[in-house]
Amino acid sequence: MAVNTQIATKQMVYIQKETTNKSFIDMHYYLKRTGRMNNNFFLVLYDPGLAGVDPRDPLLSGEIKARILRECIVNYWYFLREVVRIPIQGGAAGGGTRYRLDRGSLAMNFLFTMNYNMFVELPRQFGKTTTALCRYLWVYQFGTSNSEMMFIHKDHGGSKGNLKRLKEYRDVLPSYLQMSSATGMNGKKLKVPDTVVTIEHPFNHNKITTFASARSKDQADKLGRGATMPIQYYDEFAFMLYNQYAYTAAMPAFSTASRNAKSNGAPYGVLITTTPGDLSTDHGLYAFNMRNNATQFNEAYYDYTFEKLEELYHSNTKSSFFLVRYTYQQLGAGADYFNEQCRQLENDWPKIRREILLEWSEASDNCPYTSQDLEIIKQWCHEPIRQILFGRAGQYVFDVFEDLDPRDVPIIGVDVSGATYHDSSAITVISSMTTHVTANFHCNFIPMDDLADLLYVLVKQYMPTACINCELNGVAIQRPLLVA
């Protein structure tokens, strides 16, 4: 038994460790191994009698089917773990693969349950669209009523394709959970919208409508103003023409719709999924700036209370988004995955950098480095071995790349900015023994008081012998940075 902290009212629940979905068990042990106390919330089961019951067993009684339906309504994690299937090419009719939980999809689903806005970057073939569609299928089938969802893409074919996939996921649910048609009092089938561009649920009247990106500023403004849906899904946002105008025009209507959904306990939120765009375009640059302003998701947040998460969420006054970004290495893939994707992309390096390495690029004729120089530099880049969270809400993430020798005197360099989102305050820690960069930090919204507090805690708790060097730039002269 455990307490599920992902719901408003705490209660004792059953933890289904006997699930046959191995990816959920693997994720439980990963979080436990990395020190997360809240490591089994995605194994929650409200009806313990359903443990070991196959929702697809053709011999299920009517009572068990009703209990499974009830569990799907109240337990999104059960739906993902035990019920939903992902259709595959050449697979059996009505079948498919189990939903796979990894670090990226867990972060997305965790934030979905909190109704937070997300900006998501994952490499190709790691299921960011699958996770989004599974969430919206659950919302459409079980999660609310009389609500609307918007699917938008850089072209209408993309948003219609996402709706088509969602229907395919619905059609491989157990028949008693599909609820795709209804009959009226006269015994005739009720007519509800079900086309390639829109769909409406015959029982709860949830509706999904697809859109294409606009082709002019005026169209974008009209599109945004008509987006009165509490759930909005922007796919390939960095490639949507006039995305800034559509998104900013949509936000007043979204605010009203999401406020109504929140007051009724219904799901809401904006999801942006995209591969990195071209920074030489207005829409690519707008998406890049939105990404940079978002609060970087950290797995330490799984242990936060809802109140602390809210404090963290509101501590970023420039963005309402969490950034969910994982590399293919962080998601468990290695050289075989990378080589296979390179072959599929015909070794097109701009595409490889964008879709696999998640690099935002800008063509430039005056870059002082050759492409060979950049390749050599990238070979020395690696992920941090750990992260330290600073700030009252843990909103400032300090990356650690190497552990220091206790005899080492670390050198801390500080570049102070004005917290205006145009430049980052940065801290770099260098080993005086090896000259290696052992840790760094950068943030484009941290106030100088918080930066001073971060340095104070860093030195007092982690590096008491450090030598600090602050750059005396214009910002620092105006307001000296003092560290006790």
Protein backbone atom coordinates (compact mmCIF):
# COMPACT_ATOMS: atom_id res chain seq x y z
CA MET A 1 0.00 0.00 0.00
CA ALA A 2 1.17 3.54 -0.69
CA VAL A 3 -0.07 7.08 -0.82
CA ASN A 4 -0.72 8.45 -4.29
CA THR A 5 0.43 12.06 -4.18
CA GLN A 6 -0.78 12.86 -7.71
CA ILE A 7 -4.38 13.42 -6.68
CA ALA A 8 -5.93 16.29 -4.76
CA THR A 9 -7.14 14.15 -1.85
CA LYS A 10 -4.59 11.71 -0.47
CA GLN A 11 -5.79 8.16 0.01
CA MET A 12 -4.37 4.70 0.44
CA VAL A 13 -4.14 2.80 -2.84
CA TYR A 14 -2.93 -0.55 -4.12
CA ILE A 15 0.39 -0.63 -6.02
CA GLN A 16 0.16 -3.12 -8.89
CA LYS A 17 3.68 -4.52 -8.97
CA GLU A 18 2.41 -7.71 -10.61
CA THR A 19 1.57 -5.83 -13.84
CA THR A 20 2.76 -7.57 -16.99
CA ASN A 21 3.74 -4.22 -18.53
CA LYS A 22 7.47 -4.51 -17.88
CA SER A 23 8.26 -0.90 -18.81
CA PHE A 24 6.29 0.33 -15.78
CA ILE A 25 8.16 -1.99 -13.44
CA ASP A 26 11.48 -0.97 -14.98
CA MET A 27 10.62 2.69 -14.43
CA HIS A 28 9.74 2.01 -10.79
CA TYR A 29 13.16 0.49 -10.19
CA TYR A 30 14.92 3.26 -12.11
CA LEU A 31 13.34 5.97 -9.96
CA LYS A 32 14.06 3.98 -6.80
CA ARG A 33 17.68 3.48 -7.86
CA THR A 34 18.14 7.20 -8.53
CA GLY A 35 16.80 8.21 -5.14
CA ARG A 36 13.23 9.20 -5.89
CA MET A 37 10.95 8.49 -2.94
CA ASN A 38 7.78 8.84 -5.02
CA ASN A 39 8.68 5.98 -7.36
CA ASN A 40 5.47 4.01 -7.86
CA PHE A 41 2.64 6.49 -8.47
CA PHE A 42 2.19 5.14 -12.02
CA LEU A 43 1.48 1.65 -10.60
CA VAL A 44 -1.54 2.84 -8.62
CA LEU A 45 -4.72 0.73 -8.68
CA TYR A 46 -7.85 1.93 -6.89
CA ASP A 47 -9.72 -1.38 -7.22
CA PRO A 48 -7.33 -4.09 -5.88
CA GLY A 49 -9.66 -6.76 -7.21
CA LEU A 50 -8.55 -5.90 -10.74
CA ALA A 51 -4.94 -6.90 -10.07
CA GLY A 52 -4.13 -9.78 -12.40
CA VAL A 53 -7.31 -9.29 -14.46
CA ASP A 54 -6.79 -9.00 -18.22
CA PRO A 55 -9.11 -6.24 -19.54
CA ARG A 56 -9.12 -8.05 -22.90
CA ASP A 57 -10.24 -11.42 -21.61
CA PRO A 58 -13.31 -12.35 -23.73
CA LEU A 59 -14.82 -14.23 -20.76
CA LEU A 60 -15.03 -11.24 -18.42
CA SER A 61 -18.32 -10.90 -16.57
CA GLY A 62 -20.48 -7.79 -16.86
CA GLU A 63 -19.57 -6.83 -13.30
CA ILE A 64 -15.81 -6.98 -14.00
CA LYS A 65 -16.25 -4.97 -17.19
CA ALA A 66 -18.09 -2.29 -15.22
CA ARG A 67 -15.28 -2.20 -12.64
CA ILE A 68 -12.66 -1.88 -15.39
CA LEU A 69 -14.64 0.98 -16.93
CA ARG A 70 -14.81 2.68 -13.56
CA GLU A 71 -11.05 2.23 -13.04
CA CYS A 72 -10.36 3.75 -16.47
CA ILE A 73 -12.48 6.77 -15.58
CA VAL A 74 -10.72 7.51 -12.29
CA ASN A 75 -7.23 6.17 -13.04
CA TYR A 76 -5.36 7.43 -16.08
CA TRP A 77 -2.28 5.35 -15.17
CA TYR A 78 -4.32 2.13 -15.25
CA PHE A 79 -5.56 3.02 -18.74
CA LEU A 80 -1.98 3.48 -19.96
CA ARG A 81 -0.54 0.49 -18.14
CA GLU A 82 -3.17 -2.17 -18.74
CA VAL A 83 -5.73 -1.10 -21.33
CA VAL A 84 -4.48 0.96 -24.26
CA ARG A 85 -2.71 -0.67 -27.20
CA ILE A 86 -0.66 0.90 -29.99
CA PRO A 87 -1.59 -0.58 -33.42
CA ILE A 88 1.37 -1.76 -35.48
CA GLN A 89 1.76 -2.39 -39.20
CA GLY A 90 1.04 -6.03 -39.98
CA GLY A 91 -0.26 -6.73 -36.49
CA ALA A 92 -3.37 -8.75 -35.66
CA ALA A 93 -6.74 -7.03 -36.04
CA GLY A 94 -7.80 -5.47 -32.77
CA GLY A 95 -4.33 -5.89 -31.28
CA GLY A 96 -1.18 -3.87 -30.82
CA THR A 97 1.78 -3.28 -28.53
CA ARG A 98 1.62 -2.26 -24.89
CA TYR A 99 2.20 1.37 -24.01
CA ARG A 100 5.88 1.87 -23.17
CA LEU A 101 6.89 4.05 -20.24
CA ASP A 102 10.30 5.74 -20.36
CA ARG A 103 11.78 8.85 -18.80
CA GLY A 104 10.33 11.14 -21.46
CA SER A 105 6.82 9.69 -21.52
CA LEU A 106 6.71 9.54 -17.71
CA ALA A 107 7.57 13.24 -17.48
CA MET A 108 4.89 14.10 -20.03
CA ASN A 109 2.22 12.01 -18.32
CA PHE A 110 3.15 13.31 -14.87
CA LEU A 111 2.66 16.90 -16.10
CA PHE A 112 -0.53 15.89 -17.94
CA THR A 113 -2.05 14.77 -14.64
CA MET A 114 -1.23 18.22 -13.20
CA ASN A 115 -2.70 20.05 -16.23
CA TYR A 116 0.54 21.97 -16.81
CA ASN A 117 1.52 23.38 -20.19
CA MET A 118 4.40 21.54 -21.87
CA PHE A 119 6.99 22.15 -24.55
CA VAL A 120 8.35 18.71 -25.53
CA GLU A 121 11.53 17.79 -27.41
CA LEU A 122 12.25 14.09 -27.87
CA PRO A 123 14.23 12.35 -30.63
CA ARG A 124 12.33 10.60 -33.41
CA GLN A 125 10.83 7.17 -32.68
CA PHE A 126 10.48 7.82 -28.95
CA GLY A 127 6.73 8.30 -28.95
CA LYS A 128 6.03 11.91 -28.06
CA THR A 129 3.04 11.88 -30.45
CA THR A 130 1.95 8.45 -29.19
CA THR A 131 1.98 9.72 -25.61
CA ALA A 132 0.00 12.80 -26.58
CA LEU A 133 -2.63 10.76 -28.45
CA CYS A 134 -2.98 8.22 -25.64
CA ARG A 135 -3.61 11.08 -23.21
CA TYR A 136 -6.17 12.72 -25.47
CA LEU A 137 -7.88 9.39 -26.15
CA TRP A 138 -8.30 8.94 -22.39
CA VAL A 139 -9.65 12.48 -22.03
CA TYR A 140 -11.99 11.95 -24.99
CA GLN A 141 -13.30 8.59 -23.76
CA PHE A 142 -13.27 8.92 -19.97
CA GLY A 143 -11.68 12.08 -18.58
CA THR A 144 -14.37 14.74 -18.98
CA SER A 145 -17.60 15.65 -20.75
CA ASN A 146 -18.81 18.46 -23.03
CA SER A 147 -15.25 19.56 -23.61
CA GLU A 148 -13.27 20.40 -26.75
CA MET A 149 -9.77 19.66 -27.95
CA MET A 150 -7.81 21.30 -30.74
CA PHE A 151 -5.26 19.44 -32.89
CA ILE A 152 -3.13 21.78 -35.00
CA HIS A 153 -0.13 21.02 -37.17
CA LYS A 154 2.07 22.79 -39.69
CA ASP A 155 -0.28 21.40 -42.36
CA HIS A 156 -3.82 20.06 -42.17
CA GLY A 157 -2.72 16.61 -43.29
CA GLY A 158 -0.64 16.31 -40.12
CA SER A 159 -3.45 17.21 -37.73
CA LYS A 160 -5.89 14.96 -39.60
CA GLY A 161 -3.30 12.19 -39.42
CA ASN A 162 -3.10 12.60 -35.64
CA LEU A 163 -6.88 12.37 -35.37
CA LYS A 164 -6.85 9.26 -37.56
CA ARG A 165 -4.29 7.63 -35.27
CA LEU A 166 -6.36 8.48 -32.19
CA LYS A 167 -9.36 6.74 -33.78
CA GLU A 168 -7.18 3.71 -34.47
CA TYR A 169 -6.16 3.60 -30.80
CA ARG A 170 -9.84 3.79 -29.83
CA ASP A 171 -10.81 1.02 -32.23
CA VAL A 172 -8.38 -1.46 -30.64
CA LEU A 173 -9.70 -0.86 -27.13
CA PRO A 174 -11.79 -3.71 -25.70
CA SER A 175 -15.22 -3.43 -27.33
CA TYR A 176 -16.99 -2.57 -24.06
CA LEU A 177 -14.71 0.51 -23.68
CA GLN A 178 -14.97 1.87 -27.23
CA MET A 179 -18.40 3.56 -27.00
CA SER A 180 -18.07 4.75 -30.59
CA SER A 181 -21.80 4.78 -31.34
CA ALA A 182 -25.11 5.20 -29.51
CA THR A 183 -28.78 4.63 -30.26
CA GLY A 184 -31.68 6.93 -29.48
CA MET A 185 -35.01 6.19 -27.83
CA ASN A 186 -36.42 5.12 -31.20
CA GLY A 187 -33.68 2.51 -31.63
CA LYS A 188 -31.97 4.38 -34.43
CA LYS A 189 -28.26 5.17 -34.38
CA LEU A 190 -27.56 8.70 -33.22
CA LYS A 191 -25.70 10.88 -35.67
CA VAL A 192 -22.66 12.72 -34.32
CA PRO A 193 -19.78 14.35 -36.22
CA ASP A 194 -17.18 11.74 -37.21
CA THR A 195 -15.12 12.87 -40.18
CA VAL A 196 -11.46 13.17 -41.09
CA VAL A 197 -11.38 16.69 -39.57
CA THR A 198 -13.54 16.38 -36.45
CA ILE A 199 -15.03 13.82 -34.11
CA GLU A 200 -17.61 13.98 -31.32
CA HIS A 201 -18.22 11.37 -28.63
CA PRO A 202 -21.83 10.07 -28.79
CA PHE A 203 -22.21 9.76 -25.00
CA ASN A 204 -20.16 12.45 -23.25
CA HIS A 205 -20.10 14.87 -26.22
CA ASN A 206 -16.39 15.59 -26.05
CA LYS A 207 -15.16 16.94 -29.36
CA ILE A 208 -11.83 17.03 -31.21
CA THR A 209 -11.32 19.45 -34.10
CA THR A 210 -8.31 19.60 -36.42
CA PHE A 211 -6.72 22.73 -37.88
CA ALA A 212 -3.89 23.64 -40.21
CA SER A 213 -1.45 26.45 -39.55
CA ALA A 214 -2.34 29.80 -41.08
CA ARG A 215 -0.86 31.21 -44.30
CA SER A 216 -1.05 34.87 -43.28
CA LYS A 217 -1.02 37.00 -40.15
CA ASP A 218 -4.74 37.71 -40.47
CA GLN A 219 -5.55 34.01 -40.81
CA ALA A 220 -3.36 33.24 -37.81
CA ASP A 221 -5.11 35.87 -35.72
CA LYS A 222 -8.54 34.54 -36.69
CA LEU A 223 -7.43 30.97 -36.05
CA GLY A 224 -6.15 31.84 -32.57
CA ARG A 225 -9.24 33.83 -31.61
CA GLY A 226 -11.41 30.87 -32.53
CA ALA A 227 -9.44 28.47 -30.35
CA THR A 228 -11.78 28.42 -27.34
CA MET A 229 -10.73 24.90 -26.33
CA PRO A 230 -9.32 24.06 -22.88
CA ILE A 231 -7.00 21.44 -24.46
CA GLN A 232 -4.76 22.54 -27.32
CA TYR A 233 -2.17 20.37 -29.06
CA TYR A 234 0.35 22.09 -31.33
CA ASP A 235 2.42 19.54 -33.27
CA GLU A 236 5.65 20.56 -35.08
CA PHE A 237 5.17 24.05 -33.66
CA ALA A 238 8.60 25.30 -34.82
CA PHE A 239 7.54 24.76 -38.45
CA MET A 240 4.12 26.44 -38.23
CA LEU A 241 3.99 29.67 -40.21
CA TYR A 242 2.88 32.67 -38.15
CA ASN A 243 2.83 30.56 -35.00
CA GLN A 244 3.41 33.62 -32.82
CA TYR A 245 0.22 35.32 -34.01
CA ALA A 246 -1.93 32.20 -33.77
CA TYR A 247 -0.67 31.29 -30.30
CA THR A 248 -0.87 34.76 -28.73
CA ALA A 249 -4.36 35.29 -30.19
CA ALA A 250 -5.48 31.92 -28.78
CA MET A 251 -4.34 32.52 -25.21
CA PRO A 252 -7.19 34.80 -24.01
CA ALA A 253 -9.76 32.28 -25.23
CA PHE A 254 -7.73 29.40 -23.78
CA SER A 255 -7.47 31.15 -20.41
CA THR A 256 -11.25 31.38 -20.16
CA ALA A 257 -11.82 27.80 -21.34
CA SER A 258 -9.14 26.35 -19.05
CA ARG A 259 -10.47 28.31 -16.08
CA ASN A 260 -13.92 26.81 -16.67
CA ALA A 261 -12.43 23.32 -17.00
CA LYS A 262 -10.43 23.77 -13.79
CA SER A 263 -13.51 24.89 -11.86
CA ASN A 264 -15.25 21.66 -12.97
CA GLY A 265 -12.28 19.41 -12.21
CA ALA A 266 -11.78 18.65 -15.92
CA PRO A 267 -8.45 18.30 -17.81
CA TYR A 268 -6.95 21.30 -19.58
CA GLY A 269 -3.59 22.51 -20.87
CA VAL A 270 -1.46 23.34 -23.90
CA LEU A 271 0.95 20.81 -25.36
CA ILE A 272 3.63 21.79 -27.87
CA THR A 273 5.65 19.00 -29.47
CA THR A 274 8.25 19.78 -32.07
CA THR A 275 11.59 18.91 -33.51
CA PRO A 276 14.08 21.80 -33.41
CA GLY A 277 13.38 24.37 -36.10
CA ASP A 278 15.36 26.78 -38.24
CA LEU A 279 16.48 29.86 -36.31
CA SER A 280 16.73 31.87 -39.50
CA THR A 281 12.91 31.88 -39.74
CA ASP A 282 10.53 33.93 -37.61
CA HIS A 283 8.46 30.91 -36.60
CA GLY A 284 11.54 28.86 -35.74
CA LEU A 285 13.01 31.66 -33.64
CA TYR A 286 9.70 32.22 -31.82
CA ALA A 287 9.49 28.53 -30.90
CA PHE A 288 13.13 28.57 -29.78
CA ASN A 289 12.56 31.55 -27.49
CA MET A 290 9.44 29.93 -26.06
CA ARG A 291 11.46 26.80 -25.39
CA ASN A 292 14.24 28.71 -23.67
CA ASN A 293 11.84 30.60 -21.42
CA ALA A 294 10.16 27.40 -20.18
CA THR A 295 11.01 25.81 -16.84
CA GLN A 296 13.26 22.80 -17.43
CA PHE A 297 11.64 19.64 -16.06
CA ASN A 298 13.70 17.73 -13.51
CA GLU A 299 12.99 14.26 -12.14
CA ALA A 300 13.42 15.60 -8.60
CA TYR A 301 9.97 17.14 -9.12
CA TYR A 302 8.38 13.70 -8.69
CA ASP A 303 9.05 14.07 -4.96
CA TYR A 304 7.54 17.56 -4.75
CA THR A 305 4.19 18.13 -3.10
CA PHE A 306 1.53 19.73 -5.24
CA GLU A 307 1.97 22.97 -3.30
CA LYS A 308 5.71 23.02 -4.00
CA LEU A 309 5.11 22.26 -7.67
CA GLU A 310 2.70 25.17 -7.84
CA GLU A 311 5.31 27.42 -6.25
CA LEU A 312 7.86 26.23 -8.78
CA TYR A 313 5.41 26.71 -11.64
CA HIS A 314 4.61 30.29 -10.66
CA SER A 315 8.24 31.21 -9.91
CA ASN A 316 8.84 31.57 -13.66
CA THR A 317 7.03 34.82 -14.39
CA LYS A 318 7.82 34.75 -18.13
CA SER A 319 6.52 31.32 -19.13
CA SER A 320 3.69 28.97 -18.22
CA PHE A 321 5.47 25.98 -19.80
CA PHE A 322 7.60 23.12 -18.57
CA LEU A 323 10.30 21.99 -20.99
CA VAL A 324 10.50 18.20 -21.33
CA ARG A 325 13.68 17.33 -23.19
CA TYR A 326 15.57 14.02 -23.22
CA THR A 327 18.35 12.83 -25.51
CA TYR A 328 18.31 9.38 -27.06
CA GLN A 329 21.04 8.32 -24.61
CA GLN A 330 18.91 9.40 -21.65
CA LEU A 331 16.04 7.36 -23.06
CA GLY A 332 18.12 4.19 -23.09
CA ALA A 333 19.23 4.05 -26.73
CA GLY A 334 22.81 3.80 -27.94
CA ALA A 335 24.96 3.56 -31.04
CA ASP A 336 22.68 1.02 -32.75
CA TYR A 337 19.72 3.42 -32.58
CA PHE A 338 21.83 6.36 -33.77
CA ASN A 339 23.33 4.47 -36.71
CA GLU A 340 19.95 3.10 -37.78
CA GLN A 341 18.34 6.56 -37.69
CA CYS A 342 21.27 7.99 -39.68
CA ARG A 343 20.71 5.34 -42.34
CA GLN A 344 16.99 6.08 -42.46
CA LEU A 345 17.74 9.79 -42.86
CA GLU A 346 20.30 8.96 -45.59
CA ASN A 347 23.04 10.60 -43.52
CA ASP A 348 21.46 14.01 -44.03
CA TRP A 349 23.31 15.79 -41.21
CA PRO A 350 21.01 18.81 -40.91
CA LYS A 351 18.10 16.39 -40.37
CA ILE A 352 20.16 14.19 -38.04
CA ARG A 353 21.10 17.18 -35.91
CA ARG A 354 17.50 18.33 -35.78
CA GLU A 355 15.58 15.07 -35.37
CA ILE A 356 18.03 12.91 -33.43
CA LEU A 357 20.46 15.25 -31.67
CA LEU A 358 17.78 17.92 -30.98
CA GLU A 359 19.93 20.79 -32.19
CA TRP A 360 18.44 24.13 -33.19
CA SER A 361 20.46 25.37 -36.15
CA GLU A 362 20.89 28.58 -38.05
CA ALA A 363 22.73 28.82 -41.34
CA SER A 364 25.48 31.38 -41.00
CA ASP A 365 28.19 32.47 -43.40
CA ASN A 366 30.27 34.27 -40.77
CA CYS A 367 30.69 31.47 -38.24
CA PRO A 368 34.36 31.46 -37.09
CA TYR A 369 34.36 27.64 -36.79
CA THR A 370 34.44 25.08 -39.58
CA SER A 371 32.02 22.15 -39.57
CA GLN A 372 34.97 19.90 -38.64
CA ASP A 373 35.76 22.12 -35.64
CA LEU A 374 32.14 21.90 -34.49
CA GLU A 375 32.17 18.12 -34.80
CA ILE A 376 35.29 17.92 -32.61
CA ILE A 377 33.70 20.22 -30.02
CA LYS A 378 30.56 18.07 -29.90
CA GLN A 379 32.62 14.98 -29.13
CA TRP A 380 33.59 16.58 -25.82
CA CYS A 381 30.01 17.40 -24.85
CA HIS A 382 28.35 15.02 -22.40
CA GLU A 383 25.43 14.86 -20.01
CA PRO A 384 25.85 15.82 -16.32
CA ILE A 385 26.37 13.04 -13.80
CA ARG A 386 23.97 14.77 -11.41
CA GLN A 387 22.05 17.98 -10.90
CA ILE A 388 21.66 20.20 -7.84
CA LEU A 389 18.49 22.27 -7.46
CA PHE A 390 18.72 25.74 -5.97
CA GLY A 391 16.13 28.41 -5.22
CA ARG A 392 13.14 28.35 -2.92
CA ALA A 393 11.15 26.25 -5.39
CA GLY A 394 14.09 24.37 -6.88
CA GLN A 395 13.75 26.32 -10.11
CA TYR A 396 17.49 26.77 -10.73
CA VAL A 397 19.33 23.69 -12.01
CA PHE A 398 23.10 23.35 -11.49
CA ASP A 399 24.76 20.69 -13.68
CA VAL A 400 27.65 18.65 -12.24
CA PHE A 401 29.95 16.88 -14.72
CA GLU A 402 32.81 15.68 -12.50
CA ASP A 403 33.33 15.15 -8.79
CA LEU A 404 36.09 17.30 -7.35
CA ASP A 405 39.07 15.92 -5.46
CA PRO A 406 38.73 16.98 -1.79
CA ARG A 407 42.19 18.57 -2.07
CA ASP A 408 41.11 20.62 -5.08
CA VAL A 409 40.49 24.38 -4.86
CA PRO A 410 37.67 24.97 -7.34
CA ILE A 411 37.65 28.20 -9.34
CA ILE A 412 34.16 29.66 -9.78
CA GLY A 413 33.65 32.13 -12.62
CA VAL A 414 30.48 34.24 -12.66
CA ASP A 415 29.02 36.21 -15.57
CA VAL A 416 26.17 38.43 -14.37
CA SER A 417 23.26 39.41 -16.62
CA GLY A 418 20.21 41.53 -16.02
CA ALA A 419 17.58 38.74 -15.86
CA THR A 420 15.82 40.18 -18.91
CA TYR A 421 15.57 36.89 -20.86
CA HIS A 422 17.96 38.26 -23.50
CA ASP A 423 21.14 37.07 -21.79
CA SER A 424 21.95 34.44 -19.19
CA SER A 425 23.72 34.74 -15.89
CA ALA A 426 26.28 31.95 -15.93
CA ILE A 427 28.47 30.14 -13.43
CA THR A 428 31.34 27.85 -14.44
CA VAL A 429 33.31 25.74 -11.97
CA ILE A 430 36.84 24.73 -12.98
CA SER A 431 39.18 22.33 -11.22
CA SER A 432 42.42 24.08 -10.28
CA MET A 433 44.20 20.71 -10.46
CA THR A 434 43.04 19.50 -13.90
CA THR A 435 41.51 22.70 -15.43
CA HIS A 436 38.46 20.59 -16.35
CA VAL A 437 35.03 22.20 -16.27
CA THR A 438 33.38 20.27 -13.45
CA ALA A 439 30.03 22.06 -13.17
CA ASN A 440 28.08 24.91 -14.71
CA PHE A 441 24.87 26.88 -14.49
CA HIS A 442 23.09 29.32 -16.79
CA CYS A 443 19.71 30.99 -16.50
CA ASN A 444 18.24 33.94 -18.37
CA PHE A 445 15.70 34.95 -15.73
CA ILE A 446 17.47 34.62 -12.37
CA PRO A 447 17.47 37.92 -10.38
CA MET A 448 20.76 39.05 -8.90
CA ASP A 449 19.54 38.45 -5.34
CA ASP A 450 18.80 34.84 -6.21
CA LEU A 451 22.14 34.53 -7.99
CA ALA A 452 23.93 35.78 -4.89
CA ASP A 453 21.98 33.33 -2.74
CA LEU A 454 22.84 30.47 -5.12
CA LEU A 455 26.54 31.31 -4.89
CA TYR A 456 26.37 31.57 -1.12
CA VAL A 457 24.74 28.12 -0.77
CA LEU A 458 27.09 26.63 -3.38
CA VAL A 459 30.18 27.75 -1.48
CA LYS A 460 28.93 27.12 2.06
CA GLN A 461 27.50 23.65 1.42
CA TYR A 462 29.47 22.24 -1.51
CA MET A 463 32.73 24.14 -2.18
CA PRO A 464 33.98 25.85 0.99
CA THR A 465 37.53 26.30 -0.40
CA ALA A 466 36.42 27.85 -3.70
CA CYS A 467 37.85 30.98 -5.27
CA ILE A 468 35.10 33.14 -6.81
CA ASN A 469 35.69 35.49 -9.74
CA CYS A 470 32.78 37.73 -10.78
CA GLU A 471 32.96 39.59 -14.07
CA LEU A 472 32.73 43.33 -13.51
CA ASN A 473 30.35 44.15 -16.32
CA GLY A 474 27.75 46.90 -16.62
CA VAL A 475 25.12 44.98 -14.68
CA ALA A 476 27.51 44.16 -11.85
CA ILE A 477 28.67 47.79 -11.60
CA GLN A 478 25.09 49.02 -11.27
CA ARG A 479 24.32 46.59 -8.49
CA PRO A 480 27.35 44.81 -6.97
CA LEU A 481 26.99 41.08 -6.41
CA LEU A 482 27.93 40.34 -2.82
CA VAL A 483 28.53 36.88 -1.43
CA ALA A 484 28.94 36.51 2.33
